[in-house]
């Protein structure tokens, strides 16, 4: 339905996210860096809310 109506070349909705469409702003990169640091250091826990 979406392909014909909107003239799309591929299905717009998938079960898993497509990393080609990932947008990382400065704040996204900062949050991601904090998550990676928390996972790598294993010194407690990290909570990210948005």
PDB file of N, CA and C in Angstrom:
ATOM      1  N   UNK A   1       0.825  -1.189   0.000  1.00  0.00           N
ATOM      2  CA  UNK A   1       0.000   0.000   0.000  1.00  0.00           C
ATOM      3  C   UNK A   1       0.874   1.261   0.000  1.00  0.00           C
ATOM      4  N   UNK A   2       1.858   1.331   0.900  1.00  0.00           N
ATOM      5  CA  UNK A   2       2.700   2.515   0.998  1.00  0.00           C
ATOM      6  C   UNK A   2       3.589   2.692  -0.230  1.00  0.00           C
ATOM      7  N   UNK A   3       4.080   1.576  -0.757  1.00  0.00           N
ATOM      8  CA  UNK A   3       5.008   1.658  -1.873  1.00  0.00           C
ATOM      9  C   UNK A   3       4.380   2.354  -3.077  1.00  0.00           C
ATOM     10  N   UNK A   4       3.191   1.942  -3.451  1.00  0.00           N
ATOM     11  CA  UNK A   4       2.525   2.536  -4.610  1.00  0.00           C
ATOM     12  C   UNK A   4       2.050   3.950  -4.324  1.00  0.00           C
ATOM     13  N   UNK A   5       1.389   4.151  -3.218  1.00  0.00           N
ATOM     14  CA  UNK A   5       0.773   5.444  -2.915  1.00  0.00           C
ATOM     15  C   UNK A   5       1.811   6.571  -2.808  1.00  0.00           C
ATOM     16  N   UNK A   6       2.900   6.304  -2.100  1.00  0.00           N
ATOM     17  CA  UNK A   6       3.922   7.328  -1.896  1.00  0.00           C
ATOM     18  C   UNK A   6       5.081   7.225  -2.889  1.00  0.00           C
ATOM     19  N   UNK A   7       5.070   6.217  -3.748  1.00  0.00           N
ATOM     20  CA  UNK A   7       6.135   6.046  -4.725  1.00  0.00           C
ATOM     21  C   UNK A   7       7.462   5.669  -4.099  1.00  0.00           C
ATOM     22  N   UNK A   8       7.429   4.840  -3.083  1.00  0.00           N
ATOM     23  CA  UNK A   8       8.649   4.451  -2.371  1.00  0.00           C
ATOM     24  C   UNK A   8       9.340   3.284  -3.079  1.00  0.00           C
ATOM     25  N   UNK A   9      10.654   3.220  -2.934  1.00  0.00           N
ATOM     26  CA  UNK A   9      11.436   2.152  -3.546  1.00  0.00           C
ATOM     27  C   UNK A   9      11.549   0.928  -2.638  1.00  0.00           C
ATOM     28  N   UNK A  10      11.355   1.106  -1.331  1.00  0.00           N
ATOM     29  CA  UNK A  10      11.432  -0.013  -0.385  1.00  0.00           C
ATOM     30  C   UNK A  10      10.431   0.197   0.737  1.00  0.00           C
ATOM     31  N   UNK A  11      10.158  -0.858   1.481  1.00  0.00           N
ATOM     32  CA  UNK A  11       9.178  -0.781   2.565  1.00  0.00           C
ATOM     33  C   UNK A  11       9.650   0.210   3.639  1.00  0.00           C
ATOM     34  N   UNK A  12       8.778   1.118   4.078  1.00  0.00           N
ATOM     35  CA  UNK A  12       9.189   2.133   5.048  1.00  0.00           C
ATOM     36  C   UNK A  12       9.232   1.646   6.495  1.00  0.00           C
ATOM     37  N   UNK A  13       8.548   0.554   6.802  1.00  0.00           N
ATOM     38  CA  UNK A  13       8.463   0.083   8.188  1.00  0.00           C
ATOM     39  C   UNK A  13       8.978  -1.339   8.279  1.00  0.00           C
ATOM     40  N   UNK A  14       9.953  -1.544   9.147  1.00  0.00           N
ATOM     41  CA  UNK A  14      10.542  -2.859   9.360  1.00  0.00           C
ATOM     42  C   UNK A  14      10.489  -3.204  10.843  1.00  0.00           C
ATOM     43  N   UNK A  15      10.714  -4.460  11.154  1.00  0.00           N
ATOM     44  CA  UNK A  15      10.754  -4.908  12.548  1.00  0.00           C
ATOM     45  C   UNK A  15      11.976  -4.317  13.259  1.00  0.00           C
ATOM     46  N   UNK A  16      13.112  -4.331  12.585  1.00  0.00           N
ATOM     47  CA  UNK A  16      14.347  -3.795  13.174  1.00  0.00           C
ATOM     48  C   UNK A  16      14.673  -2.444  12.529  1.00  0.00           C
ATOM     49  N   UNK A  17      15.263  -1.527  13.280  1.00  0.00           N
ATOM     50  CA  UNK A  17      15.601  -0.218  12.720  1.00  0.00           C
ATOM     51  C   UNK A  17      16.724  -0.319  11.686  1.00  0.00           C
ATOM     52  N   UNK A  18      16.665   0.545  10.713  1.00  0.00           N
ATOM     53  CA  UNK A  18      17.673   0.590   9.659  1.00  0.00           C
ATOM     54  C   UNK A  18      18.702   1.663  10.032  1.00  0.00           C
ATOM     55  N   UNK A  19      19.958   1.285  10.256  1.00  0.00           N
ATOM     56  CA  UNK A  19      20.957   2.272  10.689  1.00  0.00           C
ATOM     57  C   UNK A  19      21.243   3.356   9.642  1.00  0.00           C
ATOM     58  N   UNK A  20      20.825   3.158   8.399  1.00  0.00           N
ATOM     59  CA  UNK A  20      21.016   4.200   7.382  1.00  0.00           C
ATOM     60  C   UNK A  20      20.221   5.457   7.715  1.00  0.00           C
ATOM     61  N   UNK A  21      19.149   5.304   8.494  1.00  0.00           N
ATOM     62  CA  UNK A  21      18.292   6.432   8.816  1.00  0.00           C
ATOM     63  C   UNK A  21      18.530   6.972  10.223  1.00  0.00           C
ATOM     64  N   UNK A  22      19.618   6.565  10.849  1.00  0.00           N
ATOM     65  CA  UNK A  22      19.950   7.028  12.195  1.00  0.00           C
ATOM     66  C   UNK A  22      20.490   8.448  12.128  1.00  0.00           C
ATOM     67  N   UNK A  23      19.906   9.335  12.896  1.00  0.00           N
ATOM     68  CA  UNK A  23      20.381  10.719  12.967  1.00  0.00           C
ATOM     69  C   UNK A  23      20.958  10.949  14.355  1.00  0.00           C
ATOM     70  N   UNK A  24      22.225  11.269  14.413  1.00  0.00           N
ATOM     71  CA  UNK A  24      22.869  11.542  15.689  1.00  0.00           C
ATOM     72  C   UNK A  24      23.232  13.022  15.768  1.00  0.00           C
ATOM     73  N   UNK A  25      22.439  13.762  16.511  1.00  0.00           N
ATOM     74  CA  UNK A  25      22.783  15.157  16.778  1.00  0.00           C
ATOM     75  C   UNK A  25      23.879  15.181  17.842  1.00  0.00           C
ATOM     76  N   UNK A  26      24.337  16.347  18.203  1.00  0.00           N
ATOM     77  CA  UNK A  26      25.371  16.449  19.244  1.00  0.00           C
ATOM     78  C   UNK A  26      24.870  15.847  20.555  1.00  0.00           C
ATOM     79  N   UNK A  27      23.630  16.115  20.883  1.00  0.00           N
ATOM     80  CA  UNK A  27      23.076  15.593  22.149  1.00  0.00           C
ATOM     81  C   UNK A  27      22.899  14.081  22.089  1.00  0.00           C
ATOM     82  N   UNK A  28      22.536  13.553  20.923  1.00  0.00           N
ATOM     83  CA  UNK A  28      22.433  12.099  20.766  1.00  0.00           C
ATOM     84  C   UNK A  28      23.801  11.447  20.949  1.00  0.00           C
ATOM     85  N   UNK A  29      24.827  12.045  20.334  1.00  0.00           N
ATOM     86  CA  UNK A  29      26.192  11.503  20.465  1.00  0.00           C
ATOM     87  C   UNK A  29      26.658  11.541  21.915  1.00  0.00           C
ATOM     88  N   UNK A  30      26.344  12.627  22.627  1.00  0.00           N
ATOM     89  CA  UNK A  30      26.726  12.732  24.040  1.00  0.00           C
ATOM     90  C   UNK A  30      26.051  11.640  24.869  1.00  0.00           C
ATOM     91  N   UNK A  31      24.757  11.448  24.655  1.00  0.00           N
ATOM     92  CA  UNK A  31      24.032  10.413  25.390  1.00  0.00           C
ATOM     93  C   UNK A  31      24.559   9.027  25.084  1.00  0.00           C
ATOM     94  N   UNK A  32      24.850   8.780  23.821  1.00  0.00           N
ATOM     95  CA  UNK A  32      25.385   7.477  23.416  1.00  0.00           C
ATOM     96  C   UNK A  32      26.764   7.250  24.035  1.00  0.00           C
ATOM     97  N   UNK A  33      27.587   8.304  24.070  1.00  0.00           N
ATOM     98  CA  UNK A  33      28.914   8.191  24.677  1.00  0.00           C
ATOM     99  C   UNK A  33      28.800   7.869  26.167  1.00  0.00           C
ATOM    100  N   UNK A  34      27.847   8.472  26.864  1.00  0.00           N
ATOM    101  CA  UNK A  34      27.644   8.170  28.284  1.00  0.00           C
ATOM    102  C   UNK A  34      27.216   6.720  28.476  1.00  0.00           C
ATOM    103  N   UNK A  35      26.336   6.227  27.616  1.00  0.00           N
ATOM    104  CA  UNK A  35      25.918   4.830  27.716  1.00  0.00           C
ATOM    105  C   UNK A  35      27.087   3.881  27.484  1.00  0.00           C
ATOM    106  N   UNK A  36      27.893   4.164  26.476  1.00  0.00           N
ATOM    107  CA  UNK A  36      29.051   3.307  26.210  1.00  0.00           C
ATOM    108  C   UNK A  36      30.041   3.337  27.365  1.00  0.00           C
ATOM    109  N   UNK A  37      30.281   4.513  27.909  1.00  0.00           N
ATOM    110  CA  UNK A  37      31.194   4.632  29.044  1.00  0.00           C
ATOM    111  C   UNK A  37      30.670   3.816  30.230  1.00  0.00           C
ATOM    112  N   UNK A  38      29.396   3.939  30.526  1.00  0.00           N
ATOM    113  CA  UNK A  38      28.814   3.194  31.637  1.00  0.00           C
ATOM    114  C   UNK A  38      28.882   1.691  31.439  1.00  0.00           C
ATOM    115  N   UNK A  39      28.700   1.238  30.203  1.00  0.00           N
ATOM    116  CA  UNK A  39      28.760  -0.201  29.921  1.00  0.00           C
ATOM    117  C   UNK A  39      30.193  -0.722  29.965  1.00  0.00           C
ATOM    118  N   UNK A  40      31.134   0.072  29.490  1.00  0.00           N
ATOM    119  CA  UNK A  40      32.527  -0.371  29.444  1.00  0.00           C
ATOM    120  C   UNK A  40      33.205  -0.373  30.809  1.00  0.00           C
ATOM    121  N   UNK A  41      32.884   0.579  31.674  1.00  0.00           N
ATOM    122  CA  UNK A  41      33.576   0.721  32.947  1.00  0.00           C
ATOM    123  C   UNK A  41      33.073  -0.242  34.015  1.00  0.00           C
ATOM    124  N   UNK A  42      31.847  -0.715  33.906  1.00  0.00           N
ATOM    125  CA  UNK A  42      31.266  -1.681  34.846  1.00  0.00           C
ATOM    126  C   UNK A  42      31.414  -1.226  36.298  1.00  0.00           C
ATOM    127  N   UNK A  43      31.204   0.069  36.529  1.00  0.00           N
ATOM    128  CA  UNK A  43      31.363   0.573  37.882  1.00  0.00           C
ATOM    129  C   UNK A  43      30.057   1.019  38.515  1.00  0.00           C
ATOM    130  N   UNK A  44      28.939   0.551  38.036  1.00  0.00           N
ATOM    131  CA  UNK A  44      27.659   0.959  38.593  1.00  0.00           C
ATOM    132  C   UNK A  44      26.575   0.808  37.559  1.00  0.00           C
ATOM    133  N   UNK A  45      25.713   1.814  37.490  1.00  0.00           N
ATOM    134  CA  UNK A  45      24.653   1.746  36.505  1.00  0.00           C
ATOM    135  C   UNK A  45      24.486   3.099  35.826  1.00  0.00           C
ATOM    136  N   UNK A  46      23.840   3.083  34.673  1.00  0.00           N
ATOM    137  CA  UNK A  46      23.598   4.294  33.894  1.00  0.00           C
ATOM    138  C   UNK A  46      22.108   4.351  33.570  1.00  0.00           C
ATOM    139  N   UNK A  47      21.520   5.517  33.735  1.00  0.00           N
ATOM    140  CA  UNK A  47      20.124   5.706  33.406  1.00  0.00           C
ATOM    141  C   UNK A  47      20.023   6.829  32.397  1.00  0.00           C
ATOM    142  N   UNK A  48      19.422   6.549  31.268  1.00  0.00           N
ATOM    143  CA  UNK A  48      19.237   7.547  30.226  1.00  0.00           C
ATOM    144  C   UNK A  48      17.744   7.687  29.986  1.00  0.00           C
ATOM    145  N   UNK A  49      17.226   8.887  30.183  1.00  0.00           N
ATOM    146  CA  UNK A  49      15.814   9.135  29.955  1.00  0.00           C
ATOM    147  C   UNK A  49      15.661  10.200  28.879  1.00  0.00           C
ATOM    148  N   UNK A  50      14.528  10.213  28.260  1.00  0.00           N
ATOM    149  CA  UNK A  50      14.338  11.211  27.205  1.00  0.00           C
ATOM    150  C   UNK A  50      12.896  11.505  26.967  1.00  0.00           C
TER     151      UNK A  50
END
